[in-house]
N, C-alpha and C. Protein backbone atom coordinates (compact mmCIF):
# COMPACT_ATOMS: atom_id res chain seq x y z
N UNK A 1 128.11 80.60 112.55
CA UNK A 1 128.06 79.15 112.62
C UNK A 1 127.30 78.60 111.41
N UNK A 2 126.15 79.15 111.11
CA UNK A 2 125.33 78.67 110.00
C UNK A 2 126.01 78.85 108.66
N UNK A 3 126.66 80.00 108.47
CA UNK A 3 127.34 80.25 107.20
C UNK A 3 128.54 79.32 107.02
N UNK A 4 129.19 78.97 108.12
CA UNK A 4 130.32 78.04 108.03
C UNK A 4 129.85 76.66 107.60
N UNK A 5 128.70 76.23 108.08
CA UNK A 5 128.16 74.94 107.66
C UNK A 5 127.77 74.94 106.19
N UNK A 6 127.23 76.05 105.73
CA UNK A 6 126.91 76.17 104.31
C UNK A 6 128.18 76.15 103.48
N UNK A 7 129.22 76.84 103.94
CA UNK A 7 130.49 76.86 103.23
C UNK A 7 131.11 75.47 103.15
N UNK A 8 131.04 74.73 104.24
CA UNK A 8 131.59 73.37 104.26
C UNK A 8 130.82 72.48 103.29
N UNK A 9 129.51 72.57 103.30
CA UNK A 9 128.71 71.73 102.40
C UNK A 9 128.96 72.10 100.94
N UNK A 10 129.14 73.38 100.66
CA UNK A 10 129.44 73.79 99.29
C UNK A 10 130.82 73.31 98.84
N UNK A 11 131.80 73.37 99.73
CA UNK A 11 133.14 72.88 99.38
C UNK A 11 133.11 71.40 99.02
N UNK A 12 132.44 70.61 99.84
CA UNK A 12 132.38 69.17 99.59
C UNK A 12 131.52 68.88 98.36
N UNK A 13 130.39 69.55 98.24
CA UNK A 13 129.49 69.31 97.12
C UNK A 13 130.07 69.70 95.77
N UNK A 14 130.67 70.89 95.69
CA UNK A 14 131.26 71.31 94.42
C UNK A 14 132.50 70.48 94.08
N UNK A 15 133.23 70.04 95.09
CA UNK A 15 134.36 69.15 94.82
C UNK A 15 133.90 67.83 94.23
N UNK A 16 132.82 67.28 94.76
CA UNK A 16 132.27 66.03 94.23
C UNK A 16 131.71 66.23 92.82
N UNK A 17 131.03 67.34 92.61
CA UNK A 17 130.47 67.62 91.29
C UNK A 17 131.56 67.80 90.24
N UNK A 18 132.60 68.55 90.59
CA UNK A 18 133.71 68.76 89.66
C UNK A 18 134.42 67.46 89.33
N UNK A 19 134.60 66.61 90.33
CA UNK A 19 135.25 65.33 90.09
C UNK A 19 134.39 64.44 89.20
N UNK A 20 133.09 64.43 89.43
CA UNK A 20 132.21 63.63 88.59
C UNK A 20 132.25 64.08 87.14
N UNK A 21 132.23 65.38 86.92
CA UNK A 21 132.32 65.90 85.55
C UNK A 21 133.67 65.56 84.94
N UNK A 22 134.74 65.69 85.73
CA UNK A 22 136.07 65.37 85.23
C UNK A 22 136.21 63.91 84.85
N UNK A 23 135.69 63.01 85.69
CA UNK A 23 135.76 61.59 85.37
C UNK A 23 134.93 61.26 84.13
N UNK A 24 133.79 61.91 83.97
CA UNK A 24 132.96 61.67 82.79
C UNK A 24 133.68 62.10 81.52
N UNK A 25 134.29 63.27 81.54
CA UNK A 25 135.03 63.74 80.38
C UNK A 25 136.24 62.85 80.10
N UNK A 26 136.93 62.46 81.17
CA UNK A 26 138.11 61.62 81.02
C UNK A 26 137.76 60.26 80.42
N UNK A 27 136.70 59.64 80.93
CA UNK A 27 136.27 58.35 80.39
C UNK A 27 135.79 58.45 78.96
N UNK A 28 135.08 59.51 78.65
CA UNK A 28 134.61 59.71 77.28
C UNK A 28 135.75 59.88 76.30
N UNK A 29 136.75 60.67 76.69
CA UNK A 29 137.90 60.86 75.81
C UNK A 29 138.72 59.58 75.67
N UNK A 30 138.79 58.78 76.74
CA UNK A 30 139.49 57.50 76.64
C UNK A 30 138.79 56.59 75.64
N UNK A 31 137.49 56.48 75.72
CA UNK A 31 136.75 55.64 74.78
C UNK A 31 136.87 56.17 73.35
N UNK A 32 136.84 57.48 73.21
CA UNK A 32 136.96 58.08 71.89
C UNK A 32 138.34 57.81 71.29
N UNK A 33 139.38 57.99 72.10
CA UNK A 33 140.73 57.73 71.62
C UNK A 33 140.97 56.27 71.33
N UNK A 34 140.42 55.39 72.16
CA UNK A 34 140.58 53.95 71.93
C UNK A 34 139.82 53.50 70.68
N UNK A 35 138.70 54.13 70.38
CA UNK A 35 137.95 53.78 69.18
C UNK A 35 138.67 54.25 67.92
N UNK A 36 139.34 55.39 68.02
CA UNK A 36 140.05 55.91 66.85
C UNK A 36 141.32 55.13 66.56
N UNK A 37 142.06 54.80 67.63
CA UNK A 37 143.33 54.08 67.46
C UNK A 37 143.40 52.96 68.50
N UNK A 38 142.86 51.81 68.18
CA UNK A 38 142.82 50.71 69.15
C UNK A 38 144.20 50.23 69.60
N UNK A 39 145.21 50.41 68.77
CA UNK A 39 146.55 49.95 69.17
C UNK A 39 147.14 50.80 70.30
N UNK A 40 146.62 51.97 70.51
CA UNK A 40 147.11 52.85 71.58
C UNK A 40 146.29 52.70 72.88
N UNK A 41 145.31 51.82 72.90
CA UNK A 41 144.42 51.69 74.05
C UNK A 41 145.15 51.39 75.35
N UNK A 42 146.13 50.47 75.40
CA UNK A 42 146.82 50.24 76.68
C UNK A 42 147.57 51.47 77.20
N UNK A 43 148.21 52.20 76.31
CA UNK A 43 148.93 53.41 76.73
C UNK A 43 147.95 54.48 77.22
N UNK A 44 146.84 54.62 76.50
CA UNK A 44 145.83 55.60 76.91
C UNK A 44 145.22 55.23 78.25
N UNK A 45 145.00 53.94 78.47
CA UNK A 45 144.42 53.51 79.73
C UNK A 45 145.36 53.77 80.90
N UNK A 46 146.65 53.55 80.69
CA UNK A 46 147.65 53.83 81.73
C UNK A 46 147.65 55.31 82.09
N UNK A 47 147.64 56.14 81.06
CA UNK A 47 147.63 57.59 81.31
C UNK A 47 146.32 58.04 81.96
N UNK A 48 145.22 57.37 81.58
CA UNK A 48 143.93 57.71 82.18
C UNK A 48 143.93 57.43 83.67
N UNK A 49 144.50 56.29 84.08
CA UNK A 49 144.54 55.98 85.51
C UNK A 49 145.43 56.95 86.27
N UNK A 50 146.51 57.40 85.67
CA UNK A 50 147.37 58.39 86.30
C UNK A 50 146.61 59.70 86.51
N UNK A 51 145.95 60.15 85.47
CA UNK A 51 145.18 61.40 85.57
C UNK A 51 144.01 61.24 86.53
N UNK A 52 143.39 60.06 86.56
CA UNK A 52 142.27 59.82 87.49
C UNK A 52 142.74 59.94 88.93
N UNK A 53 143.94 59.44 89.22
CA UNK A 53 144.47 59.58 90.58
C UNK A 53 144.70 61.04 90.95
N UNK A 54 145.23 61.81 90.01
CA UNK A 54 145.43 63.23 90.28
C UNK A 54 144.10 63.96 90.39
N UNK A 55 143.15 63.58 89.58
CA UNK A 55 141.83 64.20 89.61
C UNK A 55 141.11 63.90 90.92
N UNK A 56 141.34 62.72 91.46
CA UNK A 56 140.69 62.34 92.71
C UNK A 56 141.33 63.02 93.92
N UNK A 57 142.54 63.51 93.77
CA UNK A 57 143.21 64.17 94.89
C UNK A 57 142.61 65.54 95.20
N UNK A 58 142.07 66.19 94.19
CA UNK A 58 141.55 67.55 94.39
C UNK A 58 140.37 67.58 95.37
N UNK A 59 139.35 66.73 95.23
CA UNK A 59 138.27 66.79 96.23
C UNK A 59 138.71 66.31 97.61
N UNK A 60 139.73 65.45 97.67
CA UNK A 60 140.23 65.03 98.98
C UNK A 60 140.83 66.23 99.72
N UNK A 61 141.52 67.08 99.01
CA UNK A 61 142.07 68.30 99.62
C UNK A 61 140.92 69.20 100.06
N UNK A 62 139.88 69.31 99.23
CA UNK A 62 138.70 70.10 99.60
C UNK A 62 138.01 69.57 100.84
N UNK A 63 137.90 68.26 100.95
CA UNK A 63 137.28 67.66 102.15
C UNK A 63 138.15 67.93 103.37
N UNK A 64 139.47 67.86 103.21
CA UNK A 64 140.36 68.17 104.32
C UNK A 64 140.21 69.60 104.80
N UNK A 65 140.14 70.53 103.87
CA UNK A 65 139.94 71.94 104.24
C UNK A 65 138.57 72.14 104.87
N UNK A 66 137.56 71.47 104.34
CA UNK A 66 136.22 71.59 104.91
C UNK A 66 136.17 71.05 106.34
N UNK A 67 136.83 69.93 106.59
CA UNK A 67 136.86 69.38 107.95
C UNK A 67 137.63 70.29 108.90
N UNK A 68 138.69 70.92 108.38
CA UNK A 68 139.43 71.89 109.19
C UNK A 68 138.51 73.06 109.59
N UNK A 69 137.77 73.57 108.62
CA UNK A 69 136.85 74.68 108.92
C UNK A 69 135.80 74.23 109.92
N UNK A 70 135.25 73.04 109.73
CA UNK A 70 134.16 72.57 110.57
C UNK A 70 134.60 72.28 111.99
N UNK A 71 135.75 71.64 112.16
CA UNK A 71 136.13 71.17 113.49
C UNK A 71 137.15 72.05 114.20
N UNK A 72 137.82 72.96 113.49
CA UNK A 72 138.81 73.82 114.14
C UNK A 72 138.35 75.27 114.18
N UNK A 73 137.93 75.78 113.05
CA UNK A 73 137.59 77.21 113.00
C UNK A 73 136.22 77.52 113.60
N UNK A 74 135.22 76.68 113.35
CA UNK A 74 133.87 76.96 113.84
C UNK A 74 133.80 76.91 115.37
N UNK A 75 134.38 75.88 116.05
CA UNK A 75 134.34 75.92 117.52
C UNK A 75 135.11 77.12 118.11
N UNK A 76 136.10 77.60 117.38
CA UNK A 76 136.84 78.78 117.85
C UNK A 76 136.06 80.05 117.75
N UNK A 77 135.01 80.08 116.92
CA UNK A 77 134.18 81.27 116.76
C UNK A 77 133.25 81.48 117.95
N UNK A 78 132.89 80.40 118.62
CA UNK A 78 131.92 80.50 119.71
C UNK A 78 132.46 81.16 120.95
């Protein structure tokens, strides 16, 4: 039971950490690309929002798996 709770917290925590790092890198590269070629800024921003949506889907899947472990697998262990 205790190890399952640690596993769930690690899944959610590392998913959030990875997403935060990904968004930071993505935003930095967007600003860098927009500073180098300002005429491409609207296209870069559109692509950034597309990638941000895909990037945000990964921790949502991790949270779903963590909730499955917490509410389905752990009560079945008892």
